[in-house]
């Protein structure tokens, strides 16, 4: 893809990993950082693939549903663990349903649970 667009935001939430043997099986929280990467083959006459403001608002709307919650209680995470990997997939799939496909494609979502660790989900 000739153009890549990235927007980063954050959210805070608690979770616990079911079936995990270790500290993360206990209730704990993170200040997650999320980066969504979109791609576009073309830009419009103003030189934009998509307005950053539109992407920021869309991402904020998705993260608002996660922010300051216990992720295990979220409907999406009733059947899958609220791991960074699954959080990345949830955000990716949510964004894909909101982004106009004619304009851009959701390439990937990266979720950091700390400064040193992140998980990335992208379509195969």
Protein backbone atom coordinates (compact mmCIF):
# COMPACT_ATOMS: atom_id res chain seq x y z
CA UNK A 1 0.00 0.00 0.00
CA UNK A 2 1.42 3.39 -0.91
CA UNK A 3 -0.02 5.25 2.10
CA UNK A 4 -0.10 4.23 5.76
CA UNK A 5 -1.97 6.28 8.34
CA UNK A 6 -1.51 5.71 12.07
CA UNK A 7 -3.35 7.06 15.09
CA UNK A 8 -2.48 6.28 18.71
CA UNK A 9 -4.60 6.61 21.84
CA UNK A 10 -4.76 5.07 25.32
CA UNK A 11 -7.19 3.51 27.76
CA UNK A 12 -7.02 2.10 31.28
CA UNK A 13 -8.76 -1.08 32.39
CA UNK A 14 -8.52 -4.11 34.66
CA UNK A 15 -8.52 -7.76 33.63
CA UNK A 16 -7.49 -11.22 34.69
CA UNK A 17 -6.47 -14.05 32.41
CA UNK A 18 -8.57 -17.17 32.87
CA UNK A 19 -6.64 -20.44 32.75
CA UNK A 20 -3.29 -18.70 33.05
CA UNK A 21 -0.78 -20.00 35.58
CA UNK A 22 0.98 -16.97 37.00
CA UNK A 23 0.54 -13.43 38.27
CA UNK A 24 -1.75 -12.41 35.41
CA UNK A 25 -4.46 -14.81 36.57
CA UNK A 26 -5.10 -12.35 39.40
CA UNK A 27 -7.05 -9.12 38.95
CA UNK A 28 -4.75 -6.34 37.77
CA UNK A 29 -4.82 -3.35 35.47
CA UNK A 30 -2.88 -1.66 32.70
CA UNK A 31 -2.66 1.66 30.97
CA UNK A 32 -2.85 0.34 27.42
CA UNK A 33 -1.55 2.21 24.39
CA UNK A 34 -3.25 1.43 21.09
CA UNK A 35 -2.07 2.24 17.56
CA UNK A 36 -4.31 1.62 14.58
CA UNK A 37 -2.69 1.50 11.15
CA UNK A 38 -4.79 2.12 8.04
CA UNK A 39 -3.71 1.87 4.41
CA UNK A 40 -4.91 3.58 1.26
CA UNK A 41 -4.06 3.15 -2.38
CA UNK A 42 -5.02 6.72 -3.23
CA UNK A 43 -5.45 10.12 -1.66
CA UNK A 44 -8.20 12.59 -2.42
CA UNK A 45 -7.90 15.99 -4.12
CA UNK A 46 -6.96 17.61 -0.79
CA UNK A 47 -4.09 15.16 -0.36
CA UNK A 48 -5.71 13.00 2.34
CA UNK A 49 -6.35 9.28 2.48
CA UNK A 50 -8.69 9.88 5.43
CA UNK A 51 -8.95 12.73 7.89
CA UNK A 52 -6.96 12.05 11.07
CA UNK A 53 -9.82 13.59 13.05
CA UNK A 54 -12.22 10.96 11.70
CA UNK A 55 -9.85 8.15 12.71
CA UNK A 56 -9.23 9.69 16.15
CA UNK A 57 -12.97 9.94 16.86
CA UNK A 58 -13.60 6.37 15.67
CA UNK A 59 -10.78 4.99 17.84
CA UNK A 60 -11.91 7.04 20.85
CA UNK A 61 -15.41 5.62 20.46
CA UNK A 62 -14.11 2.04 20.50
CA UNK A 63 -11.77 2.65 23.45
CA UNK A 64 -14.51 4.45 25.41
CA UNK A 65 -16.27 1.07 25.68
CA UNK A 66 -13.16 -0.43 27.31
CA UNK A 67 -11.83 2.47 29.38
CA UNK A 68 -12.06 2.10 33.16
CA UNK A 69 -13.86 -1.23 32.97
CA UNK A 70 -13.22 -4.79 34.09
CA UNK A 71 -12.59 -6.28 30.64
CA UNK A 72 -13.65 -9.78 31.67
CA UNK A 73 -17.22 -8.46 31.97
CA UNK A 74 -17.28 -7.04 28.42
CA UNK A 75 -19.47 -9.21 26.13
CA UNK A 76 -16.59 -9.80 23.67
CA UNK A 77 -14.35 -11.17 26.42
CA UNK A 78 -16.92 -13.51 27.94
CA UNK A 79 -15.67 -16.30 25.65
CA UNK A 80 -12.11 -15.15 24.95
CA UNK A 81 -9.51 -14.00 27.44
CA UNK A 82 -8.94 -10.23 27.56
CA UNK A 83 -5.30 -10.67 26.54
CA UNK A 84 -3.47 -7.97 24.61
CA UNK A 85 -3.76 -10.17 21.52
CA UNK A 86 -7.55 -10.47 21.84
CA UNK A 87 -7.93 -6.78 22.71
CA UNK A 88 -6.03 -5.94 19.50
CA UNK A 89 -8.35 -8.19 17.50
CA UNK A 90 -11.47 -6.68 19.12
CA UNK A 91 -10.33 -3.14 18.26
CA UNK A 92 -9.33 -4.20 14.73
CA UNK A 93 -12.68 -5.86 14.03
CA UNK A 94 -14.62 -2.96 15.56
CA UNK A 95 -12.69 -0.43 13.47
CA UNK A 96 -13.11 -2.47 10.30
CA UNK A 97 -16.88 -2.31 10.71
CA UNK A 98 -16.76 1.49 11.11
CA UNK A 99 -14.19 2.58 8.52
CA UNK A 100 -15.42 3.23 4.96
CA UNK A 101 -13.83 0.38 2.99
CA UNK A 102 -13.70 2.39 -0.21
CA UNK A 103 -11.34 4.88 1.40
CA UNK A 104 -8.97 2.88 3.55
CA UNK A 105 -8.29 -0.59 4.94
CA UNK A 106 -7.54 -1.43 8.57
CA UNK A 107 -4.10 -3.00 8.31
CA UNK A 108 -3.30 -3.65 11.95
CA UNK A 109 -3.87 -2.74 15.56
CA UNK A 110 -1.03 -2.77 18.09
CA UNK A 111 -1.80 -2.92 21.81
CA UNK A 112 0.90 -2.22 24.39
CA UNK A 113 0.24 -3.29 27.97
CA UNK A 114 3.57 -1.85 29.05
CA UNK A 115 6.43 0.15 27.54
CA UNK A 116 8.20 -3.08 26.65
CA UNK A 117 5.42 -5.44 25.51
CA UNK A 118 2.88 -5.27 22.72
CA UNK A 119 0.67 -7.50 20.63
CA UNK A 120 -0.33 -6.78 17.03
CA UNK A 121 -3.35 -8.11 15.14
CA UNK A 122 -3.70 -7.83 11.38
CA UNK A 123 -5.87 -9.59 8.86
CA UNK A 124 -4.24 -12.64 7.33
